[in-house]
């Protein structure tokens, strides 16, 4: 069934079957009052597979399901295949590359997500990494706005930022977090080694917790002290500078 440009799954058995088969699910919505074994099973699988899960009232589920029988659960099928960050990084090293990835911490606007994916592909990044909670929807609009780029660059979905940072450090990847205060200008940064660039949410930027774990804070030099650039514009500038440094 198609609803709001998202293909959805309705019903407990179809959803559990799809989850157990490892289908790429964008998000799961579950009735806020649902309890019991089926609720525990769905919640456990979503946790294991880093699938966002939201508890919502019945009205929301009815709207998603077009007022059809949903049995208290609705799942949105992702239009893309989520890849494992471990696999992407391992393959890059095996190919003799110095991997470069972008980590999106809470970027929630579809247009920004799409534009960042497009720039990441154009400037040669190896992957775009998101976390299970608070990320922009990935749907037909995202594909269209990105001009199809999101279909051609690996997108990895991890449990949370701690899991992403832990994997990056395990592979010896330098974590560069964008920030306006006490940061190094990007034209003075060394992008030649394995790097992960962290771009923060549109309203708050990179969280203080992530900034503490970063190896270096970076910024784009500005002529005026006007508010910072839009996150997707900033990402494109940083990616371009990284490409030039590596060339």
C-alpha atoms as a PDB file:
ATOM      1  CA  UNK A   1       0.000   0.000   0.000  1.00  0.00           C
ATOM      2  CA  UNK A   2       1.182   3.529  -0.752  1.00  0.00           C
ATOM      3  CA  UNK A   3       0.527   6.352   1.714  1.00  0.00           C
ATOM      4  CA  UNK A   4       2.124   9.823   1.545  1.00  0.00           C
ATOM      5  CA  UNK A   5       4.786   8.503  -0.846  1.00  0.00           C
ATOM      6  CA  UNK A   6       5.866   5.826   1.651  1.00  0.00           C
ATOM      7  CA  UNK A   7       5.209   2.123   1.173  1.00  0.00           C
ATOM      8  CA  UNK A   8       3.949   0.803   4.475  1.00  0.00           C
ATOM      9  CA  UNK A   9       3.369  -2.522   6.173  1.00  0.00           C
ATOM     10  CA  UNK A  10       0.248  -3.060   8.286  1.00  0.00           C
ATOM     11  CA  UNK A  11      -0.502  -5.791  10.769  1.00  0.00           C
ATOM     12  CA  UNK A  12       1.514  -7.628  13.376  1.00  0.00           C
ATOM     13  CA  UNK A  13       2.466 -10.778  11.469  1.00  0.00           C
ATOM     14  CA  UNK A  14       3.514  -9.021   8.220  1.00  0.00           C
ATOM     15  CA  UNK A  15       5.644  -6.558  10.167  1.00  0.00           C
ATOM     16  CA  UNK A  16       7.331  -9.186  12.337  1.00  0.00           C
ATOM     17  CA  UNK A  17       7.981 -11.344   9.277  1.00  0.00           C
ATOM     18  CA  UNK A  18       9.560  -8.406   7.433  1.00  0.00           C
ATOM     19  CA  UNK A  19      11.701  -7.519  10.458  1.00  0.00           C
ATOM     20  CA  UNK A  20      12.880 -11.111  10.900  1.00  0.00           C
ATOM     21  CA  UNK A  21      13.766 -11.312   7.205  1.00  0.00           C
ATOM     22  CA  UNK A  22      16.000  -8.260   7.584  1.00  0.00           C
ATOM     23  CA  UNK A  23      13.948  -5.990   5.329  1.00  0.00           C
ATOM     24  CA  UNK A  24      15.055  -2.362   5.354  1.00  0.00           C
ATOM     25  CA  UNK A  25      12.486  -0.607   7.521  1.00  0.00           C
ATOM     26  CA  UNK A  26      12.628   3.185   7.812  1.00  0.00           C
ATOM     27  CA  UNK A  27      10.482   3.461  10.942  1.00  0.00           C
ATOM     28  CA  UNK A  28       7.956   1.537  13.027  1.00  0.00           C
ATOM     29  CA  UNK A  29       4.880   3.067  14.636  1.00  0.00           C
ATOM     30  CA  UNK A  30       3.190   1.160  17.448  1.00  0.00           C
ATOM     31  CA  UNK A  31      -0.021   1.848  19.357  1.00  0.00           C
ATOM     32  CA  UNK A  32       0.833   3.617  22.599  1.00  0.00           C
ATOM     33  CA  UNK A  33      -1.371   1.260  24.623  1.00  0.00           C
ATOM     34  CA  UNK A  34      -0.158  -1.980  23.006  1.00  0.00           C
ATOM     35  CA  UNK A  35       1.378  -4.437  25.477  1.00  0.00           C
ATOM     36  CA  UNK A  36       2.223  -8.125  25.560  1.00  0.00           C
ATOM     37  CA  UNK A  37       4.516 -10.548  23.757  1.00  0.00           C
ATOM     38  CA  UNK A  38       4.076  -9.056  20.293  1.00  0.00           C
ATOM     39  CA  UNK A  39       4.964  -5.597  21.568  1.00  0.00           C
ATOM     40  CA  UNK A  40       8.082  -6.930  23.284  1.00  0.00           C
ATOM     41  CA  UNK A  41       9.102  -8.845  20.163  1.00  0.00           C
ATOM     42  CA  UNK A  42       8.733  -5.835  17.857  1.00  0.00           C
ATOM     43  CA  UNK A  43      10.486  -3.530  20.312  1.00  0.00           C
ATOM     44  CA  UNK A  44      13.357  -5.985  20.718  1.00  0.00           C
ATOM     45  CA  UNK A  45      13.887  -6.460  16.972  1.00  0.00           C
ATOM     46  CA  UNK A  46      13.784  -2.697  16.359  1.00  0.00           C
ATOM     47  CA  UNK A  47      16.401  -2.184  19.054  1.00  0.00           C
ATOM     48  CA  UNK A  48      18.668  -4.884  17.608  1.00  0.00           C
ATOM     49  CA  UNK A  49      18.354  -3.521  14.048  1.00  0.00           C
ATOM     50  CA  UNK A  50      18.589   0.195  14.972  1.00  0.00           C
ATOM     51  CA  UNK A  51      15.111   0.883  13.613  1.00  0.00           C
ATOM     52  CA  UNK A  52      13.372   3.982  15.033  1.00  0.00           C
ATOM     53  CA  UNK A  53      10.207   3.107  16.931  1.00  0.00           C
ATOM     54  CA  UNK A  54       7.513   5.578  17.975  1.00  0.00           C
ATOM     55  CA  UNK A  55       4.515   5.008  20.225  1.00  0.00           C
ATOM     56  CA  UNK A  56       1.551   6.898  18.804  1.00  0.00           C
ATOM     57  CA  UNK A  57      -2.225   7.167  19.352  1.00  0.00           C
ATOM     58  CA  UNK A  58      -4.650   5.163  17.269  1.00  0.00           C
ATOM     59  CA  UNK A  59      -5.567   8.243  15.210  1.00  0.00           C
ATOM     60  CA  UNK A  60      -2.010   8.463  13.879  1.00  0.00           C
ATOM     61  CA  UNK A  61      -1.985   4.776  12.936  1.00  0.00           C
ATOM     62  CA  UNK A  62      -5.354   5.118  11.202  1.00  0.00           C
ATOM     63  CA  UNK A  63      -4.022   8.009   9.140  1.00  0.00           C
ATOM     64  CA  UNK A  64      -0.883   6.077   8.170  1.00  0.00           C
ATOM     65  CA  UNK A  65      -2.876   2.967   7.278  1.00  0.00           C
ATOM     66  CA  UNK A  66      -5.639   4.787   5.437  1.00  0.00           C
ATOM     67  CA  UNK A  67      -8.126   3.615   8.090  1.00  0.00           C
ATOM     68  CA  UNK A  68      -7.442  -0.026   7.263  1.00  0.00           C
ATOM     69  CA  UNK A  69      -6.960  -2.708   9.892  1.00  0.00           C
ATOM     70  CA  UNK A  70      -3.423  -2.195  11.227  1.00  0.00           C
ATOM     71  CA  UNK A  71      -3.676  -4.246  14.469  1.00  0.00           C
ATOM     72  CA  UNK A  72      -1.789  -1.524  16.325  1.00  0.00           C
ATOM     73  CA  UNK A  73       1.417  -1.568  14.256  1.00  0.00           C
ATOM     74  CA  UNK A  74       2.590   0.146  11.075  1.00  0.00           C
ATOM     75  CA  UNK A  75       6.024  -0.027   9.494  1.00  0.00           C
ATOM     76  CA  UNK A  76       7.455   2.157   6.742  1.00  0.00           C
ATOM     77  CA  UNK A  77       9.630   0.348   4.215  1.00  0.00           C
ATOM     78  CA  UNK A  78      12.809   2.228   3.366  1.00  0.00           C
ATOM     79  CA  UNK A  79      13.460   3.040  -0.298  1.00  0.00           C
ATOM     80  CA  UNK A  80      17.180   2.487   0.281  1.00  0.00           C
ATOM     81  CA  UNK A  81      19.302  -0.336   1.635  1.00  0.00           C
ATOM     82  CA  UNK A  82      21.090   0.561   4.868  1.00  0.00           C
ATOM     83  CA  UNK A  83      24.679  -0.662   4.906  1.00  0.00           C
ATOM     84  CA  UNK A  84      26.854  -1.661   7.834  1.00  0.00           C
ATOM     85  CA  UNK A  85      29.457   0.939   8.788  1.00  0.00           C
ATOM     86  CA  UNK A  86      31.932  -1.853   9.593  1.00  0.00           C
ATOM     87  CA  UNK A  87      31.571  -3.217   6.058  1.00  0.00           C
ATOM     88  CA  UNK A  88      31.991   0.194   4.425  1.00  0.00           C
ATOM     89  CA  UNK A  89      35.112   1.053   6.400  1.00  0.00           C
ATOM     90  CA  UNK A  90      36.667  -2.392   5.982  1.00  0.00           C
ATOM     91  CA  UNK A  91      36.133  -2.305   2.226  1.00  0.00           C
ATOM     92  CA  UNK A  92      37.644   1.181   1.956  1.00  0.00           C
ATOM     93  CA  UNK A  93      40.798   0.095   3.772  1.00  0.00           C
ATOM     94  CA  UNK A  94      41.019  -3.112   1.729  1.00  0.00           C
ATOM     95  CA  UNK A  95      40.926  -0.982  -1.427  1.00  0.00           C
ATOM     96  CA  UNK A  96      43.849   1.076  -0.142  1.00  0.00           C
ATOM     97  CA  UNK A  97      41.711   4.136   0.440  1.00  0.00           C
ATOM     98  CA  UNK A  98      41.775   6.593   3.325  1.00  0.00           C
ATOM     99  CA  UNK A  99      38.071   6.617   4.137  1.00  0.00           C
ATOM    100  CA  UNK A 100      36.102   9.805   4.658  1.00  0.00           C
ATOM    101  CA  UNK A 101      32.579   9.755   6.044  1.00  0.00           C
ATOM    102  CA  UNK A 102      30.046  12.294   7.272  1.00  0.00           C
ATOM    103  CA  UNK A 103      28.084  11.682  10.460  1.00  0.00           C
ATOM    104  CA  UNK A 104      24.751  13.488  10.785  1.00  0.00           C
ATOM    105  CA  UNK A 105      23.843  14.093  14.421  1.00  0.00           C
ATOM    106  CA  UNK A 106      20.178  15.006  14.503  1.00  0.00           C
ATOM    107  CA  UNK A 107      19.861  16.551  11.029  1.00  0.00           C
ATOM    108  CA  UNK A 108      16.094  16.361  10.671  1.00  0.00           C
ATOM    109  CA  UNK A 109      15.181  18.308   7.530  1.00  0.00           C
ATOM    110  CA  UNK A 110      14.675  16.164   4.431  1.00  0.00           C
ATOM    111  CA  UNK A 111      16.097  18.877   2.140  1.00  0.00           C
ATOM    112  CA  UNK A 112      19.270  19.143   4.202  1.00  0.00           C
ATOM    113  CA  UNK A 113      19.667  15.373   4.330  1.00  0.00           C
ATOM    114  CA  UNK A 114      19.236  15.148   0.561  1.00  0.00           C
ATOM    115  CA  UNK A 115      21.623  18.015  -0.183  1.00  0.00           C
ATOM    116  CA  UNK A 116      24.312  16.581   2.102  1.00  0.00           C
ATOM    117  CA  UNK A 117      24.048  13.172   0.411  1.00  0.00           C
ATOM    118  CA  UNK A 118      24.386  14.836  -2.984  1.00  0.00           C
ATOM    119  CA  UNK A 119      27.480  16.811  -1.930  1.00  0.00           C
ATOM    120  CA  UNK A 120      28.981  13.753  -0.238  1.00  0.00           C
ATOM    121  CA  UNK A 121      28.696  11.763  -3.464  1.00  0.00           C
ATOM    122  CA  UNK A 122      30.048  14.594  -5.647  1.00  0.00           C
ATOM    123  CA  UNK A 123      33.081  15.226  -3.449  1.00  0.00           C
ATOM    124  CA  UNK A 124      33.999  11.573  -2.974  1.00  0.00           C
ATOM    125  CA  UNK A 125      32.958  10.657   0.555  1.00  0.00           C
ATOM    126  CA  UNK A 126      32.582   6.971   1.337  1.00  0.00           C
ATOM    127  CA  UNK A 127      29.407   7.015   3.435  1.00  0.00           C
ATOM    128  CA  UNK A 128      26.729   9.047   5.155  1.00  0.00           C
ATOM    129  CA  UNK A 129      26.043   7.894   8.720  1.00  0.00           C
ATOM    130  CA  UNK A 130      22.847   8.536  10.676  1.00  0.00           C
ATOM    131  CA  UNK A 131      21.615   7.339  14.056  1.00  0.00           C
ATOM    132  CA  UNK A 132      18.403   5.488  14.828  1.00  0.00           C
ATOM    133  CA  UNK A 133      16.800   8.442  16.572  1.00  0.00           C
ATOM    134  CA  UNK A 134      16.099  11.948  15.280  1.00  0.00           C
ATOM    135  CA  UNK A 135      17.104  11.839  11.652  1.00  0.00           C
ATOM    136  CA  UNK A 136      15.442  13.123   8.526  1.00  0.00           C
ATOM    137  CA  UNK A 137      12.957  10.858   6.825  1.00  0.00           C
ATOM    138  CA  UNK A 138      14.266   8.878   3.888  1.00  0.00           C
ATOM    139  CA  UNK A 139      11.517   8.688   1.320  1.00  0.00           C
ATOM    140  CA  UNK A 140      10.715   9.532  -2.281  1.00  0.00           C
ATOM    141  CA  UNK A 141      11.173  13.244  -1.555  1.00  0.00           C
ATOM    142  CA  UNK A 142      14.684  12.621  -0.222  1.00  0.00           C
ATOM    143  CA  UNK A 143      15.574  10.680  -3.359  1.00  0.00           C
ATOM    144  CA  UNK A 144      14.150  13.363  -5.634  1.00  0.00           C
ATOM    145  CA  UNK A 145      15.801  16.320  -3.856  1.00  0.00           C
ATOM    146  CA  UNK A 146      19.152  14.516  -3.790  1.00  0.00           C
ATOM    147  CA  UNK A 147      18.830  13.915  -7.550  1.00  0.00           C
ATOM    148  CA  UNK A 148      19.180  10.208  -6.796  1.00  0.00           C
ATOM    149  CA  UNK A 149      22.494  10.642  -4.980  1.00  0.00           C
ATOM    150  CA  UNK A 150      21.208   8.924  -1.852  1.00  0.00           C
ATOM    151  CA  UNK A 151      20.755   5.772  -3.940  1.00  0.00           C
ATOM    152  CA  UNK A 152      24.413   5.836  -4.965  1.00  0.00           C
ATOM    153  CA  UNK A 153      26.255   6.465  -1.710  1.00  0.00           C
ATOM    154  CA  UNK A 154      26.275   4.071   1.256  1.00  0.00           C
ATOM    155  CA  UNK A 155      23.970   5.175   4.068  1.00  0.00           C
ATOM    156  CA  UNK A 156      24.692   3.554   7.432  1.00  0.00           C
ATOM    157  CA  UNK A 157      22.288   3.640  10.380  1.00  0.00           C
ATOM    158  CA  UNK A 158      23.843   3.102  13.805  1.00  0.00           C
ATOM    159  CA  UNK A 159      22.255   2.822  17.248  1.00  0.00           C
ATOM    160  CA  UNK A 160      23.532   6.158  18.606  1.00  0.00           C
ATOM    161  CA  UNK A 161      26.452   8.567  18.467  1.00  0.00           C
ATOM    162  CA  UNK A 162      28.465   6.628  21.035  1.00  0.00           C
ATOM    163  CA  UNK A 163      28.302   3.533  18.826  1.00  0.00           C
ATOM    164  CA  UNK A 164      29.412   5.541  15.775  1.00  0.00           C
ATOM    165  CA  UNK A 165      32.303   7.201  17.584  1.00  0.00           C
ATOM    166  CA  UNK A 166      33.421   3.895  19.089  1.00  0.00           C
ATOM    167  CA  UNK A 167      33.594   2.289  15.643  1.00  0.00           C
ATOM    168  CA  UNK A 168      35.441   5.261  14.171  1.00  0.00           C
ATOM    169  CA  UNK A 169      38.063   5.166  16.907  1.00  0.00           C
ATOM    170  CA  UNK A 170      38.422   1.399  16.486  1.00  0.00           C
ATOM    171  CA  UNK A 171      39.354   1.990  12.823  1.00  0.00           C
ATOM    172  CA  UNK A 172      41.704   4.867  13.657  1.00  0.00           C
ATOM    173  CA  UNK A 173      39.456   7.486  12.080  1.00  0.00           C
ATOM    174  CA  UNK A 174      39.923  11.091  13.158  1.00  0.00           C
ATOM    175  CA  UNK A 175      36.655  12.686  14.284  1.00  0.00           C
ATOM    176  CA  UNK A 176      36.225  16.314  13.216  1.00  0.00           C
ATOM    177  CA  UNK A 177      33.174  18.038  14.702  1.00  0.00           C
ATOM    178  CA  UNK A 178      31.837  21.325  13.382  1.00  0.00           C
ATOM    179  CA  UNK A 179      31.604  24.149  15.919  1.00  0.00           C
ATOM    180  CA  UNK A 180      31.976  27.931  15.938  1.00  0.00           C
ATOM    181  CA  UNK A 181      33.864  28.239  19.212  1.00  0.00           C
ATOM    182  CA  UNK A 182      37.493  27.287  19.808  1.00  0.00           C
ATOM    183  CA  UNK A 183      37.669  25.528  16.462  1.00  0.00           C
ATOM    184  CA  UNK A 184      40.334  25.292  13.764  1.00  0.00           C
ATOM    185  CA  UNK A 185      39.582  26.806  10.360  1.00  0.00           C
ATOM    186  CA  UNK A 186      39.056  24.154   7.715  1.00  0.00           C
ATOM    187  CA  UNK A 187      41.865  25.498   5.523  1.00  0.00           C
ATOM    188  CA  UNK A 188      44.264  24.674   8.365  1.00  0.00           C
ATOM    189  CA  UNK A 189      42.934  21.143   8.910  1.00  0.00           C
ATOM    190  CA  UNK A 190      44.625  17.935   7.860  1.00  0.00           C
ATOM    191  CA  UNK A 191      42.036  15.952   5.905  1.00  0.00           C
ATOM    192  CA  UNK A 192      44.484  13.536   4.316  1.00  0.00           C
ATOM    193  CA  UNK A 193      44.042  10.672   6.781  1.00  0.00           C
ATOM    194  CA  UNK A 194      40.894   8.689   7.586  1.00  0.00           C
ATOM    195  CA  UNK A 195      38.322  11.234   8.757  1.00  0.00           C
ATOM    196  CA  UNK A 196      34.748  11.478   9.980  1.00  0.00           C
ATOM    197  CA  UNK A 197      33.083  14.884   9.781  1.00  0.00           C
ATOM    198  CA  UNK A 198      30.252  15.428  12.266  1.00  0.00           C
ATOM    199  CA  UNK A 199      27.486  17.808  11.196  1.00  0.00           C
ATOM    200  CA  UNK A 200      24.988  18.761  13.885  1.00  0.00           C
ATOM    201  CA  UNK A 201      21.263  19.432  14.017  1.00  0.00           C
ATOM    202  CA  UNK A 202      19.824  22.510  12.336  1.00  0.00           C
ATOM    203  CA  UNK A 203      18.866  24.192  15.619  1.00  0.00           C
ATOM    204  CA  UNK A 204      21.477  23.026  18.136  1.00  0.00           C
ATOM    205  CA  UNK A 205      24.516  21.957  16.130  1.00  0.00           C
ATOM    206  CA  UNK A 206      26.776  19.183  17.387  1.00  0.00           C
ATOM    207  CA  UNK A 207      25.941  18.190  20.962  1.00  0.00           C
ATOM    208  CA  UNK A 208      28.380  19.013  23.803  1.00  0.00           C
ATOM    209  CA  UNK A 209      28.791  15.275  24.471  1.00  0.00           C
ATOM    210  CA  UNK A 210      29.986  14.629  20.923  1.00  0.00           C
ATOM    211  CA  UNK A 211      32.233  17.707  20.919  1.00  0.00           C
ATOM    212  CA  UNK A 212      34.007  16.316  23.986  1.00  0.00           C
ATOM    213  CA  UNK A 213      34.702  13.035  22.181  1.00  0.00           C
ATOM    214  CA  UNK A 214      35.859  14.659  18.947  1.00  0.00           C
ATOM    215  CA  UNK A 215      39.556  14.761  18.090  1.00  0.00           C
ATOM    216  CA  UNK A 216      39.236  18.291  16.749  1.00  0.00           C
ATOM    217  CA  UNK A 217      36.635  21.026  16.336  1.00  0.00           C
ATOM    218  CA  UNK A 218      36.533  22.678  12.916  1.00  0.00           C
ATOM    219  CA  UNK A 219      34.833  25.728  11.451  1.00  0.00           C
ATOM    220  CA  UNK A 220      34.373  27.588   8.189  1.00  0.00           C
ATOM    221  CA  UNK A 221      35.958  31.082   8.309  1.00  0.00           C
ATOM    222  CA  UNK A 222      33.355  33.853   8.002  1.00  0.00           C
ATOM    223  CA  UNK A 223      33.756  37.507   7.087  1.00  0.00           C
ATOM    224  CA  UNK A 224      30.765  38.622   9.179  1.00  0.00           C
ATOM    225  CA  UNK A 225      29.620  37.442  12.591  1.00  0.00           C
ATOM    226  CA  UNK A 226      26.172  36.643  11.228  1.00  0.00           C
ATOM    227  CA  UNK A 227      24.646  33.351  12.317  1.00  0.00           C
ATOM    228  CA  UNK A 228      26.245  30.164  11.034  1.00  0.00           C
ATOM    229  CA  UNK A 229      25.602  28.680   7.593  1.00  0.00           C
ATOM    230  CA  UNK A 230      22.834  26.239   6.822  1.00  0.00           C
ATOM    231  CA  UNK A 231      24.061  22.725   7.651  1.00  0.00           C
ATOM    232  CA  UNK A 232      23.868  21.436   4.074  1.00  0.00           C
ATOM    233  CA  UNK A 233      25.709  24.491   2.703  1.00  0.00           C
ATOM    234  CA  UNK A 234      28.376  24.125   5.385  1.00  0.00           C
ATOM    235  CA  UNK A 235      28.740  20.422   4.611  1.00  0.00           C
ATOM    236  CA  UNK A 236      29.318  21.136   0.908  1.00  0.00           C
ATOM    237  CA  UNK A 237      32.036  23.685   1.683  1.00  0.00           C
ATOM    238  CA  UNK A 238      33.821  21.322   4.063  1.00  0.00           C
ATOM    239  CA  UNK A 239      33.614  18.407   1.633  1.00  0.00           C
ATOM    240  CA  UNK A 240      35.080  20.576  -1.128  1.00  0.00           C
ATOM    241  CA  UNK A 241      37.958  21.703   1.090  1.00  0.00           C
ATOM    242  CA  UNK A 242      38.628  18.076   2.037  1.00  0.00           C
ATOM    243  CA  UNK A 243      38.676  17.032  -1.628  1.00  0.00           C
ATOM    244  CA  UNK A 244      41.159  19.808  -2.449  1.00  0.00           C
ATOM    245  CA  UNK A 245      43.407  18.838   0.484  1.00  0.00           C
ATOM    246  CA  UNK A 246      43.434  15.209  -0.571  1.00  0.00           C
ATOM    247  CA  UNK A 247      44.126  16.064  -4.202  1.00  0.00           C
END
